[in-house]
Amino acid sequence: MKTYKVIASYLTFCELEIEAENEEQAWELARDADGGDFEPLKGRWGELSDWHINDIQELEVQHG
């Protein structure tokens, strides 16, 4: 058997409710927020989340 490293990415849509004076301030606050503050969207947007295989590389076997 050969060994492969598979590189993948995951796309998910999230939301965060922010109180701000205007849209620009909301953008800045969201940009500076911790990723853990965001919650995954449910419903139609959540259905768009998916895995994507980006690359597969065969690993060379090291004989020691």
C-alpha atoms as a PDB file:
ATOM      1  CA  MET A   1       0.000   0.000   0.000  1.00  0.00           C
ATOM      2  CA  LYS A   2       1.112   3.537  -0.707  1.00  0.00           C
ATOM      3  CA  THR A   3       0.604   6.445   1.702  1.00  0.00           C
ATOM      4  CA  TYR A   4      -0.927   9.747   0.621  1.00  0.00           C
ATOM      5  CA  LYS A   5      -1.281  13.135   2.245  1.00  0.00           C
ATOM      6  CA  VAL A   6      -4.651  14.682   1.370  1.00  0.00           C
ATOM      7  CA  ILE A   7      -5.014  18.460   1.721  1.00  0.00           C
ATOM      8  CA  ALA A   8      -8.614  19.610   2.127  1.00  0.00           C
ATOM      9  CA  SER A   9     -10.505  22.754   3.016  1.00  0.00           C
ATOM     10  CA  TYR A  10     -13.925  23.307   4.492  1.00  0.00           C
ATOM     11  CA  LEU A  11     -16.234  26.162   3.594  1.00  0.00           C
ATOM     12  CA  THR A  12     -18.857  27.193   6.106  1.00  0.00           C
ATOM     13  CA  PHE A  13     -20.960  30.334   6.466  1.00  0.00           C
ATOM     14  CA  CYS A  14     -21.170  31.953   9.911  1.00  0.00           C
ATOM     15  CA  GLU A  15     -22.868  34.923  11.541  1.00  0.00           C
ATOM     16  CA  LEU A  16     -22.276  37.332  14.407  1.00  0.00           C
ATOM     17  CA  GLU A  17     -24.672  40.000  15.663  1.00  0.00           C
ATOM     18  CA  ILE A  18     -22.864  43.278  16.377  1.00  0.00           C
ATOM     19  CA  GLU A  19     -24.088  46.589  17.781  1.00  0.00           C
ATOM     20  CA  ALA A  20     -22.435  49.481  15.912  1.00  0.00           C
ATOM     21  CA  GLU A  21     -23.016  53.094  14.927  1.00  0.00           C
ATOM     22  CA  ASN A  22     -22.804  52.290  11.200  1.00  0.00           C
ATOM     23  CA  GLU A  23     -21.891  49.599   8.684  1.00  0.00           C
ATOM     24  CA  GLU A  24     -18.211  50.620   8.603  1.00  0.00           C
ATOM     25  CA  GLN A  25     -17.912  50.238  12.374  1.00  0.00           C
ATOM     26  CA  ALA A  26     -19.739  46.897  12.215  1.00  0.00           C
ATOM     27  CA  TRP A  27     -17.244  45.728   9.551  1.00  0.00           C
ATOM     28  CA  GLU A  28     -14.278  46.746  11.726  1.00  0.00           C
ATOM     29  CA  LEU A  29     -15.717  45.083  14.834  1.00  0.00           C
ATOM     30  CA  ALA A  30     -16.442  41.876  12.914  1.00  0.00           C
ATOM     31  CA  ARG A  31     -12.947  41.875  11.389  1.00  0.00           C
ATOM     32  CA  ASP A  32     -11.390  42.228  14.849  1.00  0.00           C
ATOM     33  CA  ALA A  33     -13.688  39.655  16.495  1.00  0.00           C
ATOM     34  CA  ASP A  34     -12.456  36.263  17.587  1.00  0.00           C
ATOM     35  CA  GLY A  35     -13.461  33.462  15.219  1.00  0.00           C
ATOM     36  CA  GLY A  36     -15.087  31.678  18.154  1.00  0.00           C
ATOM     37  CA  ASP A  37     -17.597  34.542  18.415  1.00  0.00           C
ATOM     38  CA  PHE A  38     -19.205  33.516  15.117  1.00  0.00           C
ATOM     39  CA  GLU A  39     -21.926  30.859  14.917  1.00  0.00           C
ATOM     40  CA  PRO A  40     -22.495  28.610  11.879  1.00  0.00           C
ATOM     41  CA  LEU A  41     -25.548  29.612   9.842  1.00  0.00           C
ATOM     42  CA  LYS A  42     -28.415  27.163   9.668  1.00  0.00           C
ATOM     43  CA  GLY A  43     -30.883  26.456   6.896  1.00  0.00           C
ATOM     44  CA  ARG A  44     -30.124  27.285   3.266  1.00  0.00           C
ATOM     45  CA  TRP A  45     -26.696  28.800   3.977  1.00  0.00           C
ATOM     46  CA  GLY A  46     -25.668  25.839   6.096  1.00  0.00           C
ATOM     47  CA  GLU A  47     -26.527  23.515   3.225  1.00  0.00           C
ATOM     48  CA  LEU A  48     -23.863  25.267   1.103  1.00  0.00           C
ATOM     49  CA  SER A  49     -21.098  24.213   3.507  1.00  0.00           C
ATOM     50  CA  ASP A  50     -18.928  21.458   2.072  1.00  0.00           C
ATOM     51  CA  TRP A  51     -15.514  19.804   1.991  1.00  0.00           C
ATOM     52  CA  HIS A  52     -13.209  20.348  -0.960  1.00  0.00           C
ATOM     53  CA  ILE A  53     -10.179  18.185  -1.732  1.00  0.00           C
ATOM     54  CA  ASN A  54      -7.408  20.612  -2.710  1.00  0.00           C
ATOM     55  CA  ASP A  55      -4.456  18.303  -3.303  1.00  0.00           C
ATOM     56  CA  ILE A  56      -3.227  14.727  -2.946  1.00  0.00           C
ATOM     57  CA  GLN A  57       0.467  13.905  -2.713  1.00  0.00           C
ATOM     58  CA  GLU A  58       2.081  10.499  -2.530  1.00  0.00           C
ATOM     59  CA  LEU A  59       4.471  10.303   0.422  1.00  0.00           C
ATOM     60  CA  GLU A  60       7.849   8.707  -0.190  1.00  0.00           C
ATOM     61  CA  VAL A  61       8.624   5.755   2.017  1.00  0.00           C
ATOM     62  CA  GLN A  62      11.760   6.291   4.101  1.00  0.00           C
ATOM     63  CA  HIS A  63      13.806   3.097   4.508  1.00  0.00           C
ATOM     64  CA  GLY A  64      15.906   3.295   7.582  1.00  0.00           C
END
